[in-house]
């Protein structure tokens, strides 16, 4: 009986740890104003550093929609750019990871993580339309 209760408790704890992972990473206040683009930074902007935004992983990724993986990675990148004092990010690279399982006769895969890398700049607001 004690073992069944322990297993049930462990299952409840696991479900509470996985459920929040299904949503996209939330934007911190102020990070919603960060511009993310593939366009080079305008003249007059100052480079602050490279940021990597990510969402997912082998545990939470299978329970997160592809859209939330993408948006969460962008939000994470914007949060990090905001922490550096930036307002403009040039997106340099995007990777989506897939976990594959099965055997040679029955292979299946699922996107489980997304990573965005970009260069953060501090630009005069009027130059970038803020």
C-alpha atoms as a PDB file:
ATOM      1  CA  UNK A   1       0.000   0.000   0.000  1.00  0.00           C
ATOM      2  CA  UNK A   2       2.793   2.402   0.926  1.00  0.00           C
ATOM      3  CA  UNK A   3       4.495   1.690  -2.417  1.00  0.00           C
ATOM      4  CA  UNK A   4       1.306   2.531  -4.329  1.00  0.00           C
ATOM      5  CA  UNK A   5       0.932   5.810  -2.462  1.00  0.00           C
ATOM      6  CA  UNK A   6       4.587   6.667  -3.107  1.00  0.00           C
ATOM      7  CA  UNK A   7       4.191   5.936  -6.825  1.00  0.00           C
ATOM      8  CA  UNK A   8       1.017   8.019  -7.017  1.00  0.00           C
ATOM      9  CA  UNK A   9       2.724  10.898  -5.219  1.00  0.00           C
ATOM     10  CA  UNK A  10       5.725  10.688  -7.579  1.00  0.00           C
ATOM     11  CA  UNK A  11       3.387  10.729 -10.581  1.00  0.00           C
ATOM     12  CA  UNK A  12       1.584  13.822  -9.280  1.00  0.00           C
ATOM     13  CA  UNK A  13       4.909  15.603  -8.694  1.00  0.00           C
ATOM     14  CA  UNK A  14       6.104  14.685 -12.182  1.00  0.00           C
ATOM     15  CA  UNK A  15       2.912  15.986 -13.782  1.00  0.00           C
ATOM     16  CA  UNK A  16       3.253  19.314 -11.945  1.00  0.00           C
ATOM     17  CA  UNK A  17       6.829  19.675 -13.139  1.00  0.00           C
ATOM     18  CA  UNK A  18       5.953  18.889 -16.787  1.00  0.00           C
ATOM     19  CA  UNK A  19       2.731  20.901 -17.153  1.00  0.00           C
ATOM     20  CA  UNK A  20       4.354  24.353 -16.966  1.00  0.00           C
ATOM     21  CA  UNK A  21       6.842  23.235 -19.604  1.00  0.00           C
ATOM     22  CA  UNK A  22       3.993  23.009 -22.139  1.00  0.00           C
ATOM     23  CA  UNK A  23       3.690  26.798 -22.310  1.00  0.00           C
ATOM     24  CA  UNK A  24       6.107  29.150 -24.017  1.00  0.00           C
ATOM     25  CA  UNK A  25       8.690  30.933 -21.852  1.00  0.00           C
ATOM     26  CA  UNK A  26       7.065  34.176 -20.700  1.00  0.00           C
ATOM     27  CA  UNK A  27       8.426  37.586 -21.626  1.00  0.00           C
ATOM     28  CA  UNK A  28       9.827  39.655 -18.791  1.00  0.00           C
ATOM     29  CA  UNK A  29       8.486  43.217 -18.489  1.00  0.00           C
ATOM     30  CA  UNK A  30      10.139  45.423 -21.111  1.00  0.00           C
ATOM     31  CA  UNK A  31      11.360  42.520 -23.265  1.00  0.00           C
ATOM     32  CA  UNK A  32       8.283  42.776 -25.504  1.00  0.00           C
ATOM     33  CA  UNK A  33       9.861  45.887 -27.067  1.00  0.00           C
ATOM     34  CA  UNK A  34      12.967  44.030 -28.275  1.00  0.00           C
ATOM     35  CA  UNK A  35      13.161  43.861 -32.075  1.00  0.00           C
ATOM     36  CA  UNK A  36      14.291  40.501 -33.478  1.00  0.00           C
ATOM     37  CA  UNK A  37      15.194  40.515 -37.156  1.00  0.00           C
ATOM     38  CA  UNK A  38      17.610  39.111 -39.710  1.00  0.00           C
ATOM     39  CA  UNK A  39      18.391  42.662 -40.878  1.00  0.00           C
ATOM     40  CA  UNK A  40      21.845  43.964 -39.882  1.00  0.00           C
ATOM     41  CA  UNK A  41      21.909  46.452 -37.050  1.00  0.00           C
ATOM     42  CA  UNK A  42      21.631  50.046 -38.291  1.00  0.00           C
ATOM     43  CA  UNK A  43      24.590  52.371 -38.090  1.00  0.00           C
ATOM     44  CA  UNK A  44      24.796  53.968 -34.668  1.00  0.00           C
ATOM     45  CA  UNK A  45      23.985  50.775 -32.733  1.00  0.00           C
ATOM     46  CA  UNK A  46      26.392  49.376 -30.156  1.00  0.00           C
ATOM     47  CA  UNK A  47      27.071  45.622 -29.969  1.00  0.00           C
ATOM     48  CA  UNK A  48      26.398  44.221 -26.482  1.00  0.00           C
ATOM     49  CA  UNK A  49      26.871  40.478 -26.858  1.00  0.00           C
ATOM     50  CA  UNK A  50      25.494  37.235 -28.204  1.00  0.00           C
ATOM     51  CA  UNK A  51      22.378  35.695 -26.681  1.00  0.00           C
ATOM     52  CA  UNK A  52      20.984  32.187 -26.975  1.00  0.00           C
ATOM     53  CA  UNK A  53      17.281  31.594 -26.439  1.00  0.00           C
ATOM     54  CA  UNK A  54      15.992  28.094 -25.924  1.00  0.00           C
ATOM     55  CA  UNK A  55      12.902  26.116 -25.068  1.00  0.00           C
ATOM     56  CA  UNK A  56      12.286  22.416 -24.684  1.00  0.00           C
ATOM     57  CA  UNK A  57      14.506  19.439 -23.990  1.00  0.00           C
ATOM     58  CA  UNK A  58      14.169  15.707 -23.697  1.00  0.00           C
ATOM     59  CA  UNK A  59      11.843  15.897 -20.675  1.00  0.00           C
ATOM     60  CA  UNK A  60       9.531  18.826 -21.432  1.00  0.00           C
ATOM     61  CA  UNK A  61       9.879  19.044 -25.222  1.00  0.00           C
ATOM     62  CA  UNK A  62       7.548  16.164 -26.074  1.00  0.00           C
ATOM     63  CA  UNK A  63       4.780  17.887 -24.092  1.00  0.00           C
ATOM     64  CA  UNK A  64       5.248  21.301 -25.735  1.00  0.00           C
ATOM     65  CA  UNK A  65       3.740  22.289 -29.081  1.00  0.00           C
ATOM     66  CA  UNK A  66       6.079  23.265 -31.903  1.00  0.00           C
ATOM     67  CA  UNK A  67       4.603  26.774 -31.825  1.00  0.00           C
ATOM     68  CA  UNK A  68       5.339  27.108 -28.097  1.00  0.00           C
ATOM     69  CA  UNK A  69       8.863  25.755 -28.608  1.00  0.00           C
ATOM     70  CA  UNK A  70       9.492  28.427 -31.246  1.00  0.00           C
ATOM     71  CA  UNK A  71       7.844  31.287 -29.349  1.00  0.00           C
ATOM     72  CA  UNK A  72       9.442  30.280 -26.072  1.00  0.00           C
ATOM     73  CA  UNK A  73      12.910  30.325 -27.625  1.00  0.00           C
ATOM     74  CA  UNK A  74      12.260  33.805 -29.075  1.00  0.00           C
ATOM     75  CA  UNK A  75      10.922  35.033 -25.727  1.00  0.00           C
ATOM     76  CA  UNK A  76      13.948  33.603 -23.904  1.00  0.00           C
ATOM     77  CA  UNK A  77      16.267  35.370 -26.355  1.00  0.00           C
ATOM     78  CA  UNK A  78      14.387  38.669 -25.919  1.00  0.00           C
ATOM     79  CA  UNK A  79      14.580  38.341 -22.112  1.00  0.00           C
ATOM     80  CA  UNK A  80      18.338  37.824 -22.291  1.00  0.00           C
ATOM     81  CA  UNK A  81      18.805  40.725 -24.726  1.00  0.00           C
ATOM     82  CA  UNK A  82      16.775  42.952 -22.402  1.00  0.00           C
ATOM     83  CA  UNK A  83      18.963  41.883 -19.468  1.00  0.00           C
ATOM     84  CA  UNK A  84      22.010  43.063 -21.453  1.00  0.00           C
ATOM     85  CA  UNK A  85      20.351  46.439 -22.041  1.00  0.00           C
ATOM     86  CA  UNK A  86      19.665  45.791 -25.722  1.00  0.00           C
ATOM     87  CA  UNK A  87      16.687  46.653 -27.882  1.00  0.00           C
ATOM     88  CA  UNK A  88      17.670  45.046 -31.213  1.00  0.00           C
ATOM     89  CA  UNK A  89      18.668  41.443 -31.941  1.00  0.00           C
ATOM     90  CA  UNK A  90      20.033  40.193 -35.237  1.00  0.00           C
ATOM     91  CA  UNK A  91      18.951  36.550 -35.490  1.00  0.00           C
ATOM     92  CA  UNK A  92      21.969  34.568 -36.652  1.00  0.00           C
ATOM     93  CA  UNK A  93      20.994  30.923 -36.244  1.00  0.00           C
ATOM     94  CA  UNK A  94      18.027  28.700 -35.421  1.00  0.00           C
ATOM     95  CA  UNK A  95      18.146  25.004 -34.594  1.00  0.00           C
ATOM     96  CA  UNK A  96      15.312  22.590 -33.928  1.00  0.00           C
ATOM     97  CA  UNK A  97      16.136  19.304 -32.235  1.00  0.00           C
ATOM     98  CA  UNK A  98      14.249  16.093 -32.844  1.00  0.00           C
ATOM     99  CA  UNK A  99      14.156  13.040 -30.636  1.00  0.00           C
ATOM    100  CA  UNK A 100      13.923   9.837 -32.659  1.00  0.00           C
ATOM    101  CA  UNK A 101      12.806   6.525 -31.228  1.00  0.00           C
ATOM    102  CA  UNK A 102      11.860   3.059 -32.390  1.00  0.00           C
ATOM    103  CA  UNK A 103      13.630   0.327 -34.274  1.00  0.00           C
ATOM    104  CA  UNK A 104      14.648  -0.048 -37.919  1.00  0.00           C
ATOM    105  CA  UNK A 105      11.146  -1.097 -38.938  1.00  0.00           C
ATOM    106  CA  UNK A 106       9.231   1.530 -36.992  1.00  0.00           C
ATOM    107  CA  UNK A 107      11.036   4.847 -36.546  1.00  0.00           C
ATOM    108  CA  UNK A 108       9.287   7.951 -35.291  1.00  0.00           C
ATOM    109  CA  UNK A 109      10.496  11.392 -34.368  1.00  0.00           C
ATOM    110  CA  UNK A 110       9.223  14.478 -32.644  1.00  0.00           C
ATOM    111  CA  UNK A 111      10.553  18.019 -32.329  1.00  0.00           C
ATOM    112  CA  UNK A 112      11.618  18.474 -28.735  1.00  0.00           C
ATOM    113  CA  UNK A 113      13.610  21.703 -28.595  1.00  0.00           C
ATOM    114  CA  UNK A 114      14.357  24.972 -30.378  1.00  0.00           C
ATOM    115  CA  UNK A 115      17.396  27.207 -29.973  1.00  0.00           C
ATOM    116  CA  UNK A 116      17.867  30.701 -31.428  1.00  0.00           C
ATOM    117  CA  UNK A 117      21.173  32.560 -31.384  1.00  0.00           C
ATOM    118  CA  UNK A 118      21.470  36.271 -32.074  1.00  0.00           C
ATOM    119  CA  UNK A 119      23.651  39.313 -31.602  1.00  0.00           C
ATOM    120  CA  UNK A 120      22.279  41.970 -29.281  1.00  0.00           C
ATOM    121  CA  UNK A 121      22.633  45.696 -29.885  1.00  0.00           C
ATOM    122  CA  UNK A 122      21.668  48.873 -28.126  1.00  0.00           C
ATOM    123  CA  UNK A 123      20.287  51.207 -30.775  1.00  0.00           C
ATOM    124  CA  UNK A 124      18.992  54.742 -30.507  1.00  0.00           C
ATOM    125  CA  UNK A 125      15.214  54.194 -30.285  1.00  0.00           C
ATOM    126  CA  UNK A 126      14.388  56.592 -33.122  1.00  0.00           C
ATOM    127  CA  UNK A 127      16.671  54.656 -35.522  1.00  0.00           C
ATOM    128  CA  UNK A 128      14.821  51.360 -35.002  1.00  0.00           C
ATOM    129  CA  UNK A 129      11.319  52.785 -34.646  1.00  0.00           C
ATOM    130  CA  UNK A 130      10.837  52.480 -30.911  1.00  0.00           C
END
